[in-house]
Amino acid sequence: MKKVNRWFAPGKRLATNKAEYHIDEPATTRRRVALKSRGGDVLATARSLQYVANVNKRKNPKAHKIMAEDAKYFYNLYNKKRK
């Protein structure tokens, strides 16, 4: 069987010991928690948020929209840092 190379490590959760990512919190809090859960890696945070947003697309459209917006924020932040 061919080994699949994933661009996202699904074993980690979008959470820290003190707080978890909740869509009801303000954007700054959500983004701070998400970034901390990925060890400060902006690209990994964007990818993980996009992954979870896509999984939630049909089950919870509100969560999909919020997570996709946060992922877009981190992708834009990553692109600004690259330049």
N, C-alpha and C. Protein backbone atom coordinates (compact mmCIF):
# COMPACT_ATOMS: atom_id res chain seq x y z
N MET A 1 0.84 -1.17 0.00
CA MET A 1 0.00 0.00 0.00
C MET A 1 0.89 1.24 0.00
N LYS A 2 0.53 2.20 -0.82
CA LYS A 2 1.28 3.44 -0.94
C LYS A 2 1.07 4.33 0.28
N LYS A 3 2.15 4.87 0.82
CA LYS A 3 2.05 5.76 1.98
C LYS A 3 1.58 7.14 1.52
N VAL A 4 0.63 7.70 2.24
CA VAL A 4 0.08 9.00 1.91
C VAL A 4 0.86 10.06 2.66
N ASN A 5 1.33 11.07 1.94
CA ASN A 5 2.04 12.18 2.56
C ASN A 5 1.05 13.31 2.80
N ARG A 6 0.73 13.57 4.05
CA ARG A 6 -0.25 14.60 4.39
C ARG A 6 0.44 15.92 4.64
N TRP A 7 -0.20 17.00 4.22
CA TRP A 7 0.34 18.33 4.45
C TRP A 7 -0.06 18.87 5.80
N PHE A 8 -0.95 18.15 6.50
CA PHE A 8 -1.45 18.59 7.79
C PHE A 8 -1.35 17.43 8.76
N ALA A 9 -0.80 17.67 9.93
CA ALA A 9 -0.71 16.63 10.94
C ALA A 9 -2.03 16.55 11.71
N PRO A 10 -2.91 15.60 11.39
CA PRO A 10 -4.23 15.57 12.00
C PRO A 10 -4.24 15.13 13.46
N GLY A 11 -3.12 14.67 13.99
CA GLY A 11 -3.09 14.21 15.37
C GLY A 11 -3.24 15.32 16.39
N LYS A 12 -2.85 16.53 16.04
CA LYS A 12 -2.94 17.65 16.96
C LYS A 12 -4.32 18.28 16.89
N ARG A 13 -4.78 18.81 18.02
CA ARG A 13 -6.07 19.49 18.06
C ARG A 13 -5.84 20.99 18.10
N LEU A 14 -6.84 21.72 17.72
CA LEU A 14 -6.79 23.17 17.82
C LEU A 14 -7.10 23.56 19.25
N ALA A 15 -6.16 23.29 20.13
CA ALA A 15 -6.39 23.57 21.53
C ALA A 15 -5.06 23.74 22.26
N THR A 16 -5.14 24.36 23.40
CA THR A 16 -4.00 24.46 24.31
C THR A 16 -4.45 23.93 25.66
N ASN A 17 -3.55 23.92 26.60
CA ASN A 17 -3.92 23.43 27.93
C ASN A 17 -4.90 24.37 28.62
N LYS A 18 -4.79 25.66 28.40
CA LYS A 18 -5.60 26.63 29.12
C LYS A 18 -6.92 26.94 28.41
N ALA A 19 -6.94 26.93 27.09
CA ALA A 19 -8.14 27.33 26.37
C ALA A 19 -8.24 26.57 25.06
N GLU A 20 -9.42 26.47 24.55
CA GLU A 20 -9.64 25.85 23.26
C GLU A 20 -10.23 26.86 22.30
N TYR A 21 -10.17 26.54 21.03
CA TYR A 21 -10.70 27.37 19.96
C TYR A 21 -12.22 27.26 19.96
N HIS A 22 -12.90 28.35 20.23
CA HIS A 22 -14.36 28.39 20.20
C HIS A 22 -14.80 29.47 19.22
N ILE A 23 -15.78 29.15 18.39
CA ILE A 23 -16.22 30.12 17.39
C ILE A 23 -16.99 31.28 17.99
N ASP A 24 -17.43 31.15 19.24
CA ASP A 24 -18.20 32.21 19.88
C ASP A 24 -17.32 33.30 20.48
N GLU A 25 -16.02 33.09 20.54
CA GLU A 25 -15.11 34.07 21.11
C GLU A 25 -14.74 35.12 20.07
N PRO A 26 -14.18 36.25 20.51
CA PRO A 26 -13.73 37.28 19.56
C PRO A 26 -12.62 36.74 18.65
N ALA A 27 -12.47 37.35 17.50
CA ALA A 27 -11.49 36.89 16.51
C ALA A 27 -10.07 36.90 17.07
N THR A 28 -9.72 37.91 17.83
CA THR A 28 -8.35 37.97 18.37
C THR A 28 -8.06 36.81 19.30
N THR A 29 -9.02 36.44 20.11
CA THR A 29 -8.84 35.32 21.04
C THR A 29 -8.74 34.01 20.28
N ARG A 30 -9.64 33.80 19.32
CA ARG A 30 -9.61 32.57 18.52
C ARG A 30 -8.28 32.41 17.82
N ARG A 31 -7.82 33.48 17.21
CA ARG A 31 -6.58 33.41 16.43
C ARG A 31 -5.36 33.21 17.32
N ARG A 32 -5.37 33.82 18.49
CA ARG A 32 -4.25 33.66 19.42
C ARG A 32 -4.18 32.20 19.90
N VAL A 33 -5.32 31.62 20.23
CA VAL A 33 -5.37 30.23 20.69
C VAL A 33 -4.95 29.28 19.57
N ALA A 34 -5.45 29.52 18.36
CA ALA A 34 -5.10 28.66 17.23
C ALA A 34 -3.61 28.73 16.94
N LEU A 35 -3.04 29.92 16.95
CA LEU A 35 -1.61 30.08 16.67
C LEU A 35 -0.76 29.42 17.76
N LYS A 36 -1.19 29.55 19.00
CA LYS A 36 -0.46 28.94 20.11
C LYS A 36 -0.51 27.42 20.02
N SER A 37 -1.62 26.87 19.54
CA SER A 37 -1.74 25.41 19.44
C SER A 37 -0.81 24.83 18.39
N ARG A 38 -0.35 25.64 17.46
CA ARG A 38 0.57 25.20 16.41
C ARG A 38 2.00 25.68 16.67
N GLY A 39 2.27 26.14 17.86
CA GLY A 39 3.62 26.53 18.23
C GLY A 39 4.11 27.78 17.53
N GLY A 40 3.20 28.64 17.11
CA GLY A 40 3.57 29.89 16.46
C GLY A 40 3.80 29.77 14.96
N ASP A 41 3.57 28.62 14.38
CA ASP A 41 3.74 28.42 12.94
C ASP A 41 2.49 28.91 12.21
N VAL A 42 2.63 30.02 11.51
CA VAL A 42 1.48 30.67 10.86
C VAL A 42 0.90 29.79 9.75
N LEU A 43 1.76 29.20 8.93
CA LEU A 43 1.27 28.37 7.83
C LEU A 43 0.57 27.12 8.34
N ALA A 44 1.12 26.48 9.34
CA ALA A 44 0.48 25.29 9.91
C ALA A 44 -0.87 25.64 10.52
N THR A 45 -0.96 26.81 11.13
CA THR A 45 -2.23 27.25 11.71
C THR A 45 -3.27 27.47 10.61
N ALA A 46 -2.86 28.12 9.53
CA ALA A 46 -3.78 28.35 8.41
C ALA A 46 -4.26 27.04 7.80
N ARG A 47 -3.35 26.12 7.61
CA ARG A 47 -3.72 24.83 7.02
C ARG A 47 -4.65 24.04 7.92
N SER A 48 -4.38 24.03 9.21
CA SER A 48 -5.23 23.26 10.11
C SER A 48 -6.63 23.87 10.21
N LEU A 49 -6.71 25.20 10.25
CA LEU A 49 -8.03 25.85 10.27
C LEU A 49 -8.80 25.57 8.99
N GLN A 50 -8.12 25.60 7.86
CA GLN A 50 -8.80 25.31 6.59
C GLN A 50 -9.29 23.87 6.55
N TYR A 51 -8.48 22.97 7.07
CA TYR A 51 -8.86 21.55 7.12
C TYR A 51 -10.12 21.35 7.96
N VAL A 52 -10.13 21.93 9.15
CA VAL A 52 -11.28 21.77 10.04
C VAL A 52 -12.50 22.49 9.46
N ALA A 53 -12.29 23.63 8.82
CA ALA A 53 -13.40 24.35 8.20
C ALA A 53 -14.04 23.51 7.11
N ASN A 54 -13.24 22.85 6.31
CA ASN A 54 -13.78 22.01 5.24
C ASN A 54 -14.54 20.81 5.79
N VAL A 55 -14.08 20.26 6.91
CA VAL A 55 -14.78 19.14 7.52
C VAL A 55 -16.15 19.59 8.04
N ASN A 56 -16.22 20.81 8.56
CA ASN A 56 -17.46 21.33 9.15
C ASN A 56 -18.40 21.96 8.14
N LYS A 57 -18.07 21.95 6.88
CA LYS A 57 -18.84 22.70 5.89
C LYS A 57 -20.32 22.35 5.87
N ARG A 58 -20.65 21.09 5.88
CA ARG A 58 -22.06 20.69 5.80
C ARG A 58 -22.72 20.60 7.17
N LYS A 59 -21.97 20.19 8.17
CA LYS A 59 -22.57 20.00 9.50
C LYS A 59 -22.84 21.32 10.21
N ASN A 60 -21.92 22.28 10.06
CA ASN A 60 -22.06 23.54 10.78
C ASN A 60 -21.57 24.68 9.89
N PRO A 61 -22.43 25.23 9.05
CA PRO A 61 -22.01 26.30 8.12
C PRO A 61 -21.46 27.54 8.82
N LYS A 62 -21.98 27.87 10.00
CA LYS A 62 -21.48 29.03 10.74
C LYS A 62 -20.02 28.82 11.14
N ALA A 63 -19.71 27.65 11.67
CA ALA A 63 -18.33 27.34 12.06
C ALA A 63 -17.42 27.32 10.83
N HIS A 64 -17.93 26.80 9.72
CA HIS A 64 -17.14 26.78 8.48
C HIS A 64 -16.76 28.19 8.06
N LYS A 65 -17.72 29.09 8.10
CA LYS A 65 -17.47 30.47 7.68
C LYS A 65 -16.43 31.15 8.58
N ILE A 66 -16.58 31.00 9.87
CA ILE A 66 -15.66 31.64 10.81
C ILE A 66 -14.26 31.05 10.70
N MET A 67 -14.15 29.73 10.62
CA MET A 67 -12.83 29.10 10.52
C MET A 67 -12.16 29.42 9.19
N ALA A 68 -12.94 29.48 8.13
CA ALA A 68 -12.37 29.83 6.83
C ALA A 68 -11.85 31.27 6.83
N GLU A 69 -12.55 32.17 7.51
CA GLU A 69 -12.08 33.55 7.62
C GLU A 69 -10.78 33.62 8.42
N ASP A 70 -10.70 32.85 9.49
CA ASP A 70 -9.47 32.82 10.29
C ASP A 70 -8.32 32.20 9.48
N ALA A 71 -8.61 31.17 8.71
CA ALA A 71 -7.57 30.56 7.88
C ALA A 71 -7.08 31.56 6.84
N LYS A 72 -8.00 32.31 6.23
CA LYS A 72 -7.62 33.32 5.24
C LYS A 72 -6.75 34.39 5.89
N TYR A 73 -7.07 34.78 7.12
CA TYR A 73 -6.26 35.75 7.86
C TYR A 73 -4.82 35.24 8.01
N PHE A 74 -4.66 33.98 8.40
CA PHE A 74 -3.32 33.43 8.60
C PHE A 74 -2.59 33.23 7.27
N TYR A 75 -3.30 32.86 6.20
CA TYR A 75 -2.65 32.76 4.88
C TYR A 75 -2.14 34.13 4.44
N ASN A 76 -2.95 35.17 4.65
CA ASN A 76 -2.51 36.52 4.29
C ASN A 76 -1.31 36.97 5.14
N LEU A 77 -1.33 36.64 6.41
CA LEU A 77 -0.22 36.96 7.30
C LEU A 77 1.05 36.23 6.86
N TYR A 78 0.91 34.98 6.48
CA TYR A 78 2.05 34.20 6.00
C TYR A 78 2.62 34.82 4.71
N ASN A 79 1.75 35.21 3.80
CA ASN A 79 2.22 35.80 2.53
C ASN A 79 2.91 37.14 2.75
N LYS A 80 2.44 37.92 3.72
CA LYS A 80 3.10 39.19 4.03
C LYS A 80 4.50 38.96 4.60
N LYS A 81 4.64 37.92 5.41
CA LYS A 81 5.95 37.61 6.01
C LYS A 81 6.94 37.11 4.96
N ARG A 82 6.45 36.45 3.93
CA ARG A 82 7.33 35.91 2.89
C ARG A 82 7.96 37.00 2.05
N LYS A 83 7.28 38.13 1.90
CA LYS A 83 7.77 39.21 1.01
C LYS A 83 8.86 40.00 1.64
